[in-house]
Amino acid sequence: MTGSTDITSVEALEAVLGQTPPAMHLKVIDHLDTGALAWLSRSPLGFAGFGSAEGLRVTLAGGAAGFAEGDARTLRIPLAMLDDPALPAIGAPVGALFLLPGVGETLRVNGRVSGLEDGAVQVEVGECYGHCAKAMIRSRFWDAAAMETPQEAAPFTDAVRFVALASMSAQGWADLSPKGDPAGGMVQLERDVLWFADRPGNRRMDSFRNIIEQPRVALALLVPGSTSVARIHGRARITTDPAIRERFAVQGKVPSLAIGVEIAGLELRESAALKRAALWPVTPEKSIEPTKLFIAHIKLNRNRGWAAALARASIAVPGMSTLMQKGLEKDYKDNLY
């Protein structure tokens, strides 16, 4: 599944999207700080992509808030809280994403499985950072009531509003990225290919770089309000094909890129993790302020140099948390598409 409009190099990718702003790398830390641990203590749902020699698979993890825990170097998830407890293997790369009820921002944690002990998978943390709220806003993830969904693939995908995309680099590091859009515009199933659009986000472009290096991906497709989930794995490609991109136009804005996944496997089933998490109707989590986590991570980031020093100086300004929140709200309003 290739075409003349495919993006097959980082240079071609950056020619379309530009380079990742250096500031984006400053919000990443290599451990779980107090803010991340507090986030986990309030999270009832997570997504995890596990890599292997055969590729990637994605699963959900959920339960009462705090089902996942850890310390500075290790994330622990009880195997009983995973929809697919057989997926983790020692040394396997992991990309994870954790949600807070009613909160648009998410927490991303990447690493490797370091242990399977005491009924839990232990992940040695390599990266930890907060992710912006755009995917959750576009999907209206929290604006839902408990509902039933179609149990056939085509009508289910038509209703999908949220996707968790797991990818893996050629060096064997996994990443899991949230995607969100209204029903009918999130994904389109075309025979054995699932299409979706790139939308403005954090501009790290990890998923794209991974797909260019090695195309095997896995996805979890959700309809907010439902406890059903479709899991897909296959080979992905990135395209600038205008005819495909125009299918995903919103508010007159055509996405710069589209991603097609040639489906090798598709499974639609009930998620025990979603049932345990009982997300809808939502009771918003108000004890965690994402902007404070963003600021803390910039301070804790180990990068040096003038750009890092300038960023740290800027966040030392009194009231920066409020200023950052206002900046995010404006960005969420003006740059969703």
C-alpha atoms as a PDB file:
ATOM      1  CA  MET A   1       0.000   0.000   0.000  1.00  0.00           C
ATOM      2  CA  THR A   2       2.155   2.818  -1.302  1.00  0.00           C
ATOM      3  CA  GLY A   3       1.640   5.852  -3.492  1.00  0.00           C
ATOM      4  CA  SER A   4       3.479   8.739  -5.077  1.00  0.00           C
ATOM      5  CA  THR A   5       2.102  11.102  -2.433  1.00  0.00           C
ATOM      6  CA  ASP A   6       3.426   9.030   0.479  1.00  0.00           C
ATOM      7  CA  ILE A   7       5.700  10.609   3.073  1.00  0.00           C
ATOM      8  CA  THR A   8       8.680   8.276   3.426  1.00  0.00           C
ATOM      9  CA  SER A   9      11.354  10.437   5.055  1.00  0.00           C
ATOM     10  CA  VAL A  10      11.665  12.824   7.970  1.00  0.00           C
ATOM     11  CA  GLU A  11      12.799  15.513   5.525  1.00  0.00           C
ATOM     12  CA  ALA A  12       9.580  15.150   3.533  1.00  0.00           C
ATOM     13  CA  LEU A  13       7.565  15.167   6.758  1.00  0.00           C
ATOM     14  CA  GLU A  14       9.186  18.378   7.985  1.00  0.00           C
ATOM     15  CA  ALA A  15       8.671  19.974   4.572  1.00  0.00           C
ATOM     16  CA  VAL A  16       4.926  19.630   5.196  1.00  0.00           C
ATOM     17  CA  LEU A  17       4.618  20.163   8.952  1.00  0.00           C
ATOM     18  CA  GLY A  18       7.808  22.026   9.817  1.00  0.00           C
ATOM     19  CA  GLN A  19      10.281  21.008  12.468  1.00  0.00           C
ATOM     20  CA  THR A  20       9.296  20.228  16.041  1.00  0.00           C
ATOM     21  CA  PRO A  21       9.753  23.417  18.098  1.00  0.00           C
ATOM     22  CA  PRO A  22      12.646  22.941  20.566  1.00  0.00           C
ATOM     23  CA  ALA A  23      10.344  23.962  23.421  1.00  0.00           C
ATOM     24  CA  MET A  24       8.294  20.784  22.866  1.00  0.00           C
ATOM     25  CA  HIS A  25      11.245  18.690  24.038  1.00  0.00           C
ATOM     26  CA  LEU A  26      11.562  20.693  27.252  1.00  0.00           C
ATOM     27  CA  LYS A  27       8.337  19.354  28.736  1.00  0.00           C
ATOM     28  CA  VAL A  28       9.629  15.761  28.759  1.00  0.00           C
ATOM     29  CA  ILE A  29      11.202  14.240  31.860  1.00  0.00           C
ATOM     30  CA  ASP A  30      12.752  10.808  32.393  1.00  0.00           C
ATOM     31  CA  HIS A  31      10.895   9.804  35.551  1.00  0.00           C
ATOM     32  CA  LEU A  32       7.572  10.064  37.368  1.00  0.00           C
ATOM     33  CA  ASP A  33       7.632  13.247  39.422  1.00  0.00           C
ATOM     34  CA  THR A  34       5.189  14.107  42.207  1.00  0.00           C
ATOM     35  CA  GLY A  35       2.790  15.658  39.691  1.00  0.00           C
ATOM     36  CA  ALA A  36       2.743  12.555  37.505  1.00  0.00           C
ATOM     37  CA  LEU A  37       2.264  10.283  40.518  1.00  0.00           C
ATOM     38  CA  ALA A  38      -0.616  12.463  41.698  1.00  0.00           C
ATOM     39  CA  TRP A  39      -2.114  12.214  38.208  1.00  0.00           C
ATOM     40  CA  LEU A  40      -1.931   8.426  38.325  1.00  0.00           C
ATOM     41  CA  SER A  41      -3.568   8.408  41.745  1.00  0.00           C
ATOM     42  CA  ARG A  42      -6.627  10.120  40.229  1.00  0.00           C
ATOM     43  CA  SER A  43      -6.763   8.299  36.899  1.00  0.00           C
ATOM     44  CA  PRO A  44      -9.376   5.547  36.351  1.00  0.00           C
ATOM     45  CA  LEU A  45      -8.389   4.723  32.751  1.00  0.00           C
ATOM     46  CA  GLY A  46      -5.283   4.236  30.675  1.00  0.00           C
ATOM     47  CA  PHE A  47      -4.254   2.931  27.267  1.00  0.00           C
ATOM     48  CA  ALA A  48      -1.105   0.906  26.729  1.00  0.00           C
ATOM     49  CA  GLY A  49       0.647  -0.167  23.560  1.00  0.00           C
ATOM     50  CA  PHE A  50       3.063  -3.097  23.905  1.00  0.00           C
ATOM     51  CA  GLY A  51       5.660  -3.883  21.255  1.00  0.00           C
ATOM     52  CA  SER A  52       7.168  -7.196  20.223  1.00  0.00           C
ATOM     53  CA  ALA A  53       9.043  -8.721  17.306  1.00  0.00           C
ATOM     54  CA  GLU A  54       5.667  -9.239  15.618  1.00  0.00           C
ATOM     55  CA  GLY A  55       4.672  -5.592  15.951  1.00  0.00           C
ATOM     56  CA  LEU A  56       2.351  -3.733  18.309  1.00  0.00           C
ATOM     57  CA  ARG A  57      -0.867  -4.407  20.162  1.00  0.00           C
ATOM     58  CA  VAL A  58      -2.869  -1.931  22.208  1.00  0.00           C
ATOM     59  CA  THR A  59      -5.053  -2.569  25.234  1.00  0.00           C
ATOM     60  CA  LEU A  60      -6.997  -0.643  27.857  1.00  0.00           C
ATOM     61  CA  ALA A  61      -6.369  -0.577  31.594  1.00  0.00           C
ATOM     62  CA  GLY A  62      -8.936   0.659  34.058  1.00  0.00           C
ATOM     63  CA  GLY A  63     -10.467   0.509  37.480  1.00  0.00           C
ATOM     64  CA  ALA A  64     -10.944   2.708  40.503  1.00  0.00           C
ATOM     65  CA  ALA A  65      -8.892   5.904  40.471  1.00  0.00           C
ATOM     66  CA  GLY A  66      -5.320   5.040  41.365  1.00  0.00           C
ATOM     67  CA  PHE A  67      -5.373   1.518  39.924  1.00  0.00           C
ATOM     68  CA  ALA A  68      -1.973   2.340  38.369  1.00  0.00           C
ATOM     69  CA  GLU A  69       0.787   3.577  40.624  1.00  0.00           C
ATOM     70  CA  GLY A  70       4.519   3.793  40.822  1.00  0.00           C
ATOM     71  CA  ASP A  71       7.590   5.545  42.082  1.00  0.00           C
ATOM     72  CA  ALA A  72      10.090   7.833  40.409  1.00  0.00           C
ATOM     73  CA  ARG A  73      11.496   5.144  38.117  1.00  0.00           C
ATOM     74  CA  THR A  74       8.738   2.573  37.800  1.00  0.00           C
ATOM     75  CA  LEU A  75       5.131   2.537  36.615  1.00  0.00           C
ATOM     76  CA  ARG A  76       3.068  -0.399  37.923  1.00  0.00           C
ATOM     77  CA  ILE A  77      -0.197  -1.598  36.413  1.00  0.00           C
ATOM     78  CA  PRO A  78      -2.015  -4.614  37.893  1.00  0.00           C
ATOM     79  CA  LEU A  79      -2.386  -7.310  35.244  1.00  0.00           C
ATOM     80  CA  ALA A  80      -5.984  -7.819  36.355  1.00  0.00           C
ATOM     81  CA  MET A  81      -6.740  -4.241  35.304  1.00  0.00           C
ATOM     82  CA  LEU A  82      -5.604  -4.860  31.694  1.00  0.00           C
ATOM     83  CA  ASP A  83      -8.072  -6.048  29.070  1.00  0.00           C
ATOM     84  CA  ASP A  84      -5.230  -8.141  27.635  1.00  0.00           C
ATOM     85  CA  PRO A  85      -2.963  -9.236  30.513  1.00  0.00           C
ATOM     86  CA  ALA A  86      -0.963 -11.581  28.270  1.00  0.00           C
ATOM     87  CA  LEU A  87       0.485  -8.736  26.179  1.00  0.00           C
ATOM     88  CA  PRO A  88       3.324  -7.529  28.462  1.00  0.00           C
ATOM     89  CA  ALA A  89       6.661  -9.328  28.155  1.00  0.00           C
ATOM     90  CA  ILE A  90       9.980  -8.581  29.824  1.00  0.00           C
ATOM     91  CA  GLY A  91      11.894  -6.020  27.773  1.00  0.00           C
ATOM     92  CA  ALA A  92       8.883  -5.049  25.663  1.00  0.00           C
ATOM     93  CA  PRO A  93       8.530  -1.361  24.786  1.00  0.00           C
ATOM     94  CA  VAL A  94       5.493   0.369  26.281  1.00  0.00           C
ATOM     95  CA  GLY A  95       3.663   3.555  25.378  1.00  0.00           C
ATOM     96  CA  ALA A  96       0.937   4.538  27.845  1.00  0.00           C
ATOM     97  CA  LEU A  97      -1.645   7.306  28.178  1.00  0.00           C
ATOM     98  CA  PHE A  98      -3.649   8.153  31.314  1.00  0.00           C
ATOM     99  CA  LEU A  99      -6.874  10.153  31.525  1.00  0.00           C
ATOM    100  CA  LEU A 100      -8.455  12.242  34.270  1.00  0.00           C
ATOM    101  CA  PRO A 101     -12.268  12.516  34.362  1.00  0.00           C
ATOM    102  CA  GLY A 102     -13.471  15.768  32.834  1.00  0.00           C
ATOM    103  CA  VAL A 103      -9.923  16.916  32.027  1.00  0.00           C
ATOM    104  CA  GLY A 104      -8.776  17.421  28.438  1.00  0.00           C
ATOM    105  CA  GLU A 105      -5.054  17.116  29.015  1.00  0.00           C
ATOM    106  CA  THR A 106      -3.557  13.636  29.321  1.00  0.00           C
ATOM    107  CA  LEU A 107      -0.412  12.073  30.783  1.00  0.00           C
ATOM    108  CA  ARG A 108       1.921  10.085  28.552  1.00  0.00           C
ATOM    109  CA  VAL A 109       4.450   7.595  29.936  1.00  0.00           C
ATOM    110  CA  ASN A 110       6.865   5.579  27.777  1.00  0.00           C
ATOM    111  CA  GLY A 111       9.357   2.922  28.791  1.00  0.00           C
ATOM    112  CA  ARG A 112      10.077  -0.808  28.834  1.00  0.00           C
ATOM    113  CA  VAL A 113       8.643  -3.718  30.778  1.00  0.00           C
ATOM    114  CA  SER A 114      11.147  -4.416  33.530  1.00  0.00           C
ATOM    115  CA  GLY A 115       9.196  -6.935  35.570  1.00  0.00           C
ATOM    116  CA  LEU A 116       6.091  -9.096  35.862  1.00  0.00           C
ATOM    117  CA  GLU A 117       5.834  -9.608  39.589  1.00  0.00           C
ATOM    118  CA  ASP A 118       3.171  -9.664  42.289  1.00  0.00           C
ATOM    119  CA  GLY A 119       0.409  -9.635  39.700  1.00  0.00           C
ATOM    120  CA  ALA A 120       1.567  -6.409  38.054  1.00  0.00           C
ATOM    121  CA  VAL A 121       3.481  -5.264  35.003  1.00  0.00           C
ATOM    122  CA  GLN A 122       6.368  -3.014  35.964  1.00  0.00           C
ATOM    123  CA  VAL A 123       7.538  -0.440  33.444  1.00  0.00           C
ATOM    124  CA  GLU A 124      10.929   1.247  33.684  1.00  0.00           C
ATOM    125  CA  VAL A 125      10.087   4.851  32.828  1.00  0.00           C
ATOM    126  CA  GLY A 126      12.002   6.500  29.992  1.00  0.00           C
ATOM    127  CA  GLU A 127       9.728   9.445  29.221  1.00  0.00           C
ATOM    128  CA  CYS A 128       6.913  11.244  31.018  1.00  0.00           C
ATOM    129  CA  TYR A 129       5.055  14.340  29.856  1.00  0.00           C
ATOM    130  CA  GLY A 130       1.692  16.044  29.663  1.00  0.00           C
ATOM    131  CA  HIS A 131      -0.233  16.196  26.389  1.00  0.00           C
ATOM    132  CA  CYS A 132      -2.477  19.047  25.258  1.00  0.00           C
ATOM    133  CA  ALA A 133      -6.282  18.786  25.330  1.00  0.00           C
ATOM    134  CA  LYS A 134      -7.027  19.193  21.613  1.00  0.00           C
ATOM    135  CA  ALA A 135      -7.814  15.544  20.873  1.00  0.00           C
ATOM    136  CA  MET A 136     -10.143  15.280  23.857  1.00  0.00           C
ATOM    137  CA  ILE A 137     -11.879  18.546  22.957  1.00  0.00           C
ATOM    138  CA  ARG A 138     -12.397  17.586  19.320  1.00  0.00           C
ATOM    139  CA  SER A 139     -13.812  14.206  20.353  1.00  0.00           C
ATOM    140  CA  ARG A 140     -16.045  15.740  23.046  1.00  0.00           C
ATOM    141  CA  PHE A 141     -14.829  12.791  25.076  1.00  0.00           C
ATOM    142  CA  TRP A 142     -16.421  13.868  28.328  1.00  0.00           C
ATOM    143  CA  ASP A 143     -19.664  15.212  26.811  1.00  0.00           C
ATOM    144  CA  ALA A 144     -21.316  11.824  26.694  1.00  0.00           C
ATOM    145  CA  ALA A 145     -23.768   9.665  28.568  1.00  0.00           C
ATOM    146  CA  ALA A 146     -23.599   5.901  28.940  1.00  0.00           C
ATOM    147  CA  MET A 147     -24.809   4.366  25.684  1.00  0.00           C
ATOM    148  CA  GLU A 148     -24.932   1.251  23.523  1.00  0.00           C
ATOM    149  CA  THR A 149     -23.103   1.147  20.198  1.00  0.00           C
ATOM    150  CA  PRO A 150     -23.332  -0.978  17.034  1.00  0.00           C
ATOM    151  CA  GLN A 151     -21.561  -4.305  17.286  1.00  0.00           C
ATOM    152  CA  GLU A 152     -20.515  -4.462  13.646  1.00  0.00           C
ATOM    153  CA  ALA A 153     -17.279  -2.885  12.426  1.00  0.00           C
ATOM    154  CA  ALA A 154     -18.606  -0.490   9.766  1.00  0.00           C
ATOM    155  CA  PRO A 155     -21.346   1.231  11.811  1.00  0.00           C
ATOM    156  CA  PHE A 156     -19.120   1.252  14.884  1.00  0.00           C
ATOM    157  CA  THR A 157     -16.286   3.039  13.095  1.00  0.00           C
ATOM    158  CA  ASP A 158     -18.799   5.589  11.791  1.00  0.00           C
ATOM    159  CA  ALA A 159     -19.575   6.466  15.430  1.00  0.00           C
ATOM    160  CA  VAL A 160     -15.951   6.538  16.664  1.00  0.00           C
ATOM    161  CA  ARG A 161     -14.763   9.864  18.105  1.00  0.00           C
ATOM    162  CA  PHE A 162     -11.515   8.902  19.862  1.00  0.00           C
ATOM    163  CA  VAL A 163      -8.480   6.862  18.841  1.00  0.00           C
ATOM    164  CA  ALA A 164      -5.387   5.805  20.777  1.00  0.00           C
ATOM    165  CA  LEU A 165      -2.586   5.252  18.247  1.00  0.00           C
ATOM    166  CA  ALA A 166       0.382   3.110  19.279  1.00  0.00           C
ATOM    167  CA  SER A 167       3.554   3.222  17.192  1.00  0.00           C
ATOM    168  CA  MET A 168       7.144   2.077  17.630  1.00  0.00           C
ATOM    169  CA  SER A 169      10.521   3.324  16.430  1.00  0.00           C
ATOM    170  CA  ALA A 170      13.071   1.217  14.573  1.00  0.00           C
ATOM    171  CA  GLN A 171      15.083   1.221  17.816  1.00  0.00           C
ATOM    172  CA  GLY A 172      12.159  -0.396  19.633  1.00  0.00           C
ATOM    173  CA  TRP A 173      10.705   2.498  21.633  1.00  0.00           C
ATOM    174  CA  ALA A 174       6.916   2.719  21.820  1.00  0.00           C
ATOM    175  CA  ASP A 175       4.656   5.740  21.876  1.00  0.00           C
ATOM    176  CA  LEU A 176       0.889   6.155  22.261  1.00  0.00           C
ATOM    177  CA  SER A 177      -0.848   9.256  20.956  1.00  0.00           C
ATOM    178  CA  PRO A 178      -4.476  10.416  21.396  1.00  0.00           C
ATOM    179  CA  LYS A 179      -6.577  11.401  18.368  1.00  0.00           C
ATOM    180  CA  GLY A 180     -10.019  12.980  18.429  1.00  0.00           C
ATOM    181  CA  ASP A 181     -12.667  14.187  15.982  1.00  0.00           C
ATOM    182  CA  PRO A 182     -16.463  14.221  15.620  1.00  0.00           C
ATOM    183  CA  ALA A 183     -18.282  11.039  14.627  1.00  0.00           C
ATOM    184  CA  GLY A 184     -18.001  10.421  10.903  1.00  0.00           C
ATOM    185  CA  GLY A 185     -14.816  12.451  10.684  1.00  0.00           C
ATOM    186  CA  MET A 186     -12.564  10.591  13.093  1.00  0.00           C
ATOM    187  CA  VAL A 187     -11.967   7.492  10.972  1.00  0.00           C
ATOM    188  CA  GLN A 188     -13.184   6.207   7.633  1.00  0.00           C
ATOM    189  CA  LEU A 189     -13.185   2.506   6.820  1.00  0.00           C
ATOM    190  CA  GLU A 190     -12.496   1.840   3.144  1.00  0.00           C
ATOM    191  CA  ARG A 191     -12.480  -1.895   2.493  1.00  0.00           C
ATOM    192  CA  ASP A 192      -9.383  -3.116   4.377  1.00  0.00           C
ATOM    193  CA  VAL A 193      -7.891   0.332   5.054  1.00  0.00           C
ATOM    194  CA  LEU A 194      -8.697   2.626   7.975  1.00  0.00           C
ATOM    195  CA  TRP A 195      -8.076   6.316   7.268  1.00  0.00           C
ATOM    196  CA  PHE A 196      -7.796   9.232   9.673  1.00  0.00           C
ATOM    197  CA  ALA A 197      -6.438  12.770   9.525  1.00  0.00           C
ATOM    198  CA  ASP A 198      -3.595  14.552  11.210  1.00  0.00           C
ATOM    199  CA  ARG A 199      -4.823  17.456  13.318  1.00  0.00           C
ATOM    200  CA  PRO A 200      -2.943  20.194  15.198  1.00  0.00           C
ATOM    201  CA  GLY A 201      -1.473  18.882  18.448  1.00  0.00           C
ATOM    202  CA  ASN A 202       1.754  19.034  20.398  1.00  0.00           C
ATOM    203  CA  ARG A 203       3.893  18.945  17.203  1.00  0.00           C
ATOM    204  CA  ARG A 204       6.310  16.315  18.550  1.00  0.00           C
ATOM    205  CA  MET A 205       5.481  14.132  15.520  1.00  0.00           C
ATOM    206  CA  ASP A 206       6.609  10.968  17.324  1.00  0.00           C
ATOM    207  CA  SER A 207       3.979   8.783  15.650  1.00  0.00           C
ATOM    208  CA  PHE A 208       4.902  10.023  12.185  1.00  0.00           C
ATOM    209  CA  ARG A 209       8.613   9.491  12.721  1.00  0.00           C
ATOM    210  CA  ASN A 210       7.912   5.988  13.985  1.00  0.00           C
ATOM    211  CA  ILE A 211       5.700   5.134  11.004  1.00  0.00           C
ATOM    212  CA  ILE A 212       8.412   6.323   8.619  1.00  0.00           C
ATOM    213  CA  GLU A 213      10.993   4.127  10.389  1.00  0.00           C
ATOM    214  CA  GLN A 214       8.762   1.072  10.719  1.00  0.00           C
ATOM    215  CA  PRO A 215       5.072   1.098   9.740  1.00  0.00           C
ATOM    216  CA  ARG A 216       3.499  -1.395  12.148  1.00  0.00           C
ATOM    217  CA  VAL A 217       0.925   0.268  14.400  1.00  0.00           C
ATOM    218  CA  ALA A 218      -1.993  -0.600  16.673  1.00  0.00           C
ATOM    219  CA  LEU A 219      -5.102   1.417  17.446  1.00  0.00           C
ATOM    220  CA  ALA A 220      -7.922   1.424  19.973  1.00  0.00           C
ATOM    221  CA  LEU A 221     -11.143   3.030  18.673  1.00  0.00           C
ATOM    222  CA  LEU A 222     -13.717   4.365  21.143  1.00  0.00           C
ATOM    223  CA  VAL A 223     -17.168   5.891  21.113  1.00  0.00           C
ATOM    224  CA  PRO A 224     -17.310   8.046  24.272  1.00  0.00           C
ATOM    225  CA  GLY A 225     -20.151   6.816  26.455  1.00  0.00           C
ATOM    226  CA  SER A 226     -19.788   3.216  25.302  1.00  0.00           C
ATOM    227  CA  THR A 227     -17.841   0.368  26.870  1.00  0.00           C
ATOM    228  CA  SER A 228     -17.112  -1.200  23.491  1.00  0.00           C
ATOM    229  CA  VAL A 229     -13.718  -0.833  21.853  1.00  0.00           C
ATOM    230  CA  ALA A 230     -12.407  -1.771  18.429  1.00  0.00           C
ATOM    231  CA  ARG A 231      -8.769  -2.840  18.327  1.00  0.00           C
ATOM    232  CA  ILE A 232      -6.881  -2.754  15.057  1.00  0.00           C
ATOM    233  CA  HIS A 233      -3.333  -3.560  14.064  1.00  0.00           C
ATOM    234  CA  GLY A 234      -1.649  -3.263  10.700  1.00  0.00           C
ATOM    235  CA  ARG A 235       0.788  -1.296   8.579  1.00  0.00           C
ATOM    236  CA  ALA A 236       0.449   2.459   8.276  1.00  0.00           C
ATOM    237  CA  ARG A 237       1.422   5.011   5.666  1.00  0.00           C
ATOM    238  CA  ILE A 238       1.327   8.799   5.635  1.00  0.00           C
ATOM    239  CA  THR A 239       0.023  10.618   2.569  1.00  0.00           C
ATOM    240  CA  THR A 240      -0.502  14.115   1.196  1.00  0.00           C
ATOM    241  CA  ASP A 241      -3.048  12.837  -1.362  1.00  0.00           C
ATOM    242  CA  PRO A 242      -5.511  15.756  -1.754  1.00  0.00           C
ATOM    243  CA  ALA A 243      -8.492  13.508  -2.494  1.00  0.00           C
ATOM    244  CA  ILE A 244      -8.014  11.640   0.780  1.00  0.00           C
ATOM    245  CA  ARG A 245      -7.229  14.707   2.865  1.00  0.00           C
ATOM    246  CA  GLU A 246     -10.273  16.594   1.598  1.00  0.00           C
ATOM    247  CA  ARG A 247     -12.563  13.907   3.026  1.00  0.00           C
ATOM    248  CA  PHE A 248     -11.518  15.117   6.475  1.00  0.00           C
ATOM    249  CA  ALA A 249     -11.980  18.863   5.923  1.00  0.00           C
ATOM    250  CA  VAL A 250     -13.528  20.687   8.897  1.00  0.00           C
ATOM    251  CA  GLN A 251     -14.566  24.335   8.955  1.00  0.00           C
ATOM    252  CA  GLY A 252     -13.077  24.694   5.494  1.00  0.00           C
ATOM    253  CA  LYS A 253      -9.679  23.507   6.742  1.00  0.00           C
ATOM    254  CA  VAL A 254      -8.097  20.542   4.979  1.00  0.00           C
ATOM    255  CA  PRO A 255      -5.576  18.558   7.056  1.00  0.00           C
ATOM    256  CA  SER A 256      -2.003  18.561   5.814  1.00  0.00           C
ATOM    257  CA  LEU A 257      -1.652  14.788   6.106  1.00  0.00           C
ATOM    258  CA  ALA A 258      -3.760  11.654   6.302  1.00  0.00           C
ATOM    259  CA  ILE A 259      -2.803   8.259   7.669  1.00  0.00           C
ATOM    260  CA  GLY A 260      -3.986   4.963   6.237  1.00  0.00           C
ATOM    261  CA  VAL A 261      -3.694   1.669   8.105  1.00  0.00           C
ATOM    262  CA  GLU A 262      -3.852  -1.528   6.066  1.00  0.00           C
ATOM    263  CA  ILE A 263      -5.749  -3.699   8.528  1.00  0.00           C
ATOM    264  CA  ALA A 264      -4.158  -7.005   9.479  1.00  0.00           C
ATOM    265  CA  GLY A 265      -6.503  -7.607  12.396  1.00  0.00           C
ATOM    266  CA  LEU A 266      -9.690  -6.042  13.756  1.00  0.00           C
ATOM    267  CA  GLU A 267     -11.538  -7.006  16.928  1.00  0.00           C
ATOM    268  CA  LEU A 268     -14.646  -5.335  18.340  1.00  0.00           C
ATOM    269  CA  ARG A 269     -15.536  -6.243  21.908  1.00  0.00           C
ATOM    270  CA  GLU A 270     -16.638  -5.028  25.307  1.00  0.00           C
ATOM    271  CA  SER A 271     -13.866  -3.568  27.452  1.00  0.00           C
ATOM    272  CA  ALA A 272     -13.813  -4.698  31.070  1.00  0.00           C
ATOM    273  CA  ALA A 273     -11.439  -1.804  31.789  1.00  0.00           C
ATOM    274  CA  LEU A 274     -13.958   0.741  30.501  1.00  0.00           C
ATOM    275  CA  LYS A 275     -16.701  -0.882  32.555  1.00  0.00           C
ATOM    276  CA  ARG A 276     -14.619  -0.722  35.728  1.00  0.00           C
ATOM    277  CA  ALA A 277     -13.589   2.881  35.061  1.00  0.00           C
ATOM    278  CA  ALA A 278     -17.265   3.937  34.827  1.00  0.00           C
ATOM    279  CA  LEU A 279     -16.360   7.227  33.137  1.00  0.00           C
ATOM    280  CA  TRP A 280     -19.834   8.390  32.130  1.00  0.00           C
ATOM    281  CA  PRO A 281     -21.651  10.428  33.270  1.00  0.00           C
ATOM    282  CA  VAL A 282     -18.468  12.188  34.232  1.00  0.00           C
ATOM    283  CA  THR A 283     -17.578  13.510  37.671  1.00  0.00           C
ATOM    284  CA  PRO A 284     -14.811  16.018  36.876  1.00  0.00           C
ATOM    285  CA  GLU A 285     -11.477  15.672  38.652  1.00  0.00           C
ATOM    286  CA  LYS A 286     -10.660  19.086  40.110  1.00  0.00           C
ATOM    287  CA  SER A 287      -7.640  18.418  42.305  1.00  0.00           C
ATOM    288  CA  ILE A 288      -5.096  18.248  39.446  1.00  0.00           C
ATOM    289  CA  GLU A 289      -4.036  21.338  37.468  1.00  0.00           C
ATOM    290  CA  PRO A 290      -2.381  20.273  34.200  1.00  0.00           C
ATOM    291  CA  THR A 291      -0.592  23.597  33.725  1.00  0.00           C
ATOM    292  CA  LYS A 292       1.263  23.086  37.002  1.00  0.00           C
ATOM    293  CA  LEU A 293       2.445  19.700  35.758  1.00  0.00           C
ATOM    294  CA  PHE A 294       3.609  21.260  32.475  1.00  0.00           C
ATOM    295  CA  ILE A 295       5.571  23.923  34.348  1.00  0.00           C
ATOM    296  CA  ALA A 296       7.090  21.415  36.772  1.00  0.00           C
ATOM    297  CA  HIS A 297       8.282  19.252  33.892  1.00  0.00           C
ATOM    298  CA  ILE A 298       9.999  22.165  32.161  1.00  0.00           C
ATOM    299  CA  LYS A 299      11.836  22.859  35.414  1.00  0.00           C
ATOM    300  CA  LEU A 300      12.810  19.188  35.808  1.00  0.00           C
ATOM    301  CA  ASN A 301      13.863  18.638  32.196  1.00  0.00           C
ATOM    302  CA  ARG A 302      17.585  17.848  31.933  1.00  0.00           C
ATOM    303  CA  ASN A 303      18.226  19.730  28.675  1.00  0.00           C
ATOM    304  CA  ARG A 304      20.739  22.549  28.857  1.00  0.00           C
ATOM    305  CA  GLY A 305      21.551  25.464  26.580  1.00  0.00           C
ATOM    306  CA  TRP A 306      20.168  28.917  25.943  1.00  0.00           C
ATOM    307  CA  ALA A 307      16.706  27.747  24.815  1.00  0.00           C
ATOM    308  CA  ALA A 308      16.211  25.676  27.960  1.00  0.00           C
ATOM    309  CA  ALA A 309      17.516  28.496  30.168  1.00  0.00           C
ATOM    310  CA  LEU A 310      15.180  30.975  28.499  1.00  0.00           C
ATOM    311  CA  ALA A 311      12.191  28.677  28.936  1.00  0.00           C
ATOM    312  CA  ARG A 312      12.946  28.140  32.616  1.00  0.00           C
ATOM    313  CA  ALA A 313      13.379  31.869  33.152  1.00  0.00           C
ATOM    314  CA  SER A 314      10.019  32.553  31.527  1.00  0.00           C
ATOM    315  CA  ILE A 315       8.130  30.132  33.761  1.00  0.00           C
ATOM    316  CA  ALA A 316       9.691  31.699  36.862  1.00  0.00           C
ATOM    317  CA  VAL A 317       7.475  34.744  36.326  1.00  0.00           C
ATOM    318  CA  PRO A 318       4.865  35.058  39.121  1.00  0.00           C
ATOM    319  CA  GLY A 319       1.434  33.922  37.978  1.00  0.00           C
ATOM    320  CA  MET A 320       2.847  31.849  35.107  1.00  0.00           C
ATOM    321  CA  SER A 321       0.391  29.007  35.738  1.00  0.00           C
ATOM    322  CA  THR A 322      -2.531  31.370  35.134  1.00  0.00           C
ATOM    323  CA  LEU A 323      -0.865  32.882  32.075  1.00  0.00           C
ATOM    324  CA  MET A 324      -0.140  29.452  30.630  1.00  0.00           C
ATOM    325  CA  GLN A 325      -3.729  28.361  31.224  1.00  0.00           C
ATOM    326  CA  LYS A 326      -5.033  31.393  29.347  1.00  0.00           C
ATOM    327  CA  GLY A 327      -2.598  30.708  26.519  1.00  0.00           C
ATOM    328  CA  LEU A 328      -3.735  27.098  26.280  1.00  0.00           C
ATOM    329  CA  GLU A 329      -7.396  28.089  26.278  1.00  0.00           C
ATOM    330  CA  LYS A 330      -6.783  30.502  23.407  1.00  0.00           C
ATOM    331  CA  ASP A 331      -4.855  27.858  21.484  1.00  0.00           C
ATOM    332  CA  TYR A 332      -7.632  25.330  22.057  1.00  0.00           C
ATOM    333  CA  LYS A 333     -10.168  27.835  20.746  1.00  0.00           C
ATOM    334  CA  ASP A 334      -8.211  29.067  17.720  1.00  0.00           C
ATOM    335  CA  ASN A 335      -6.189  26.058  16.580  1.00  0.00           C
ATOM    336  CA  LEU A 336      -8.260  22.886  16.843  1.00  0.00           C
ATOM    337  CA  TYR A 337      -8.164  22.449  13.052  1.00  0.00           C
END
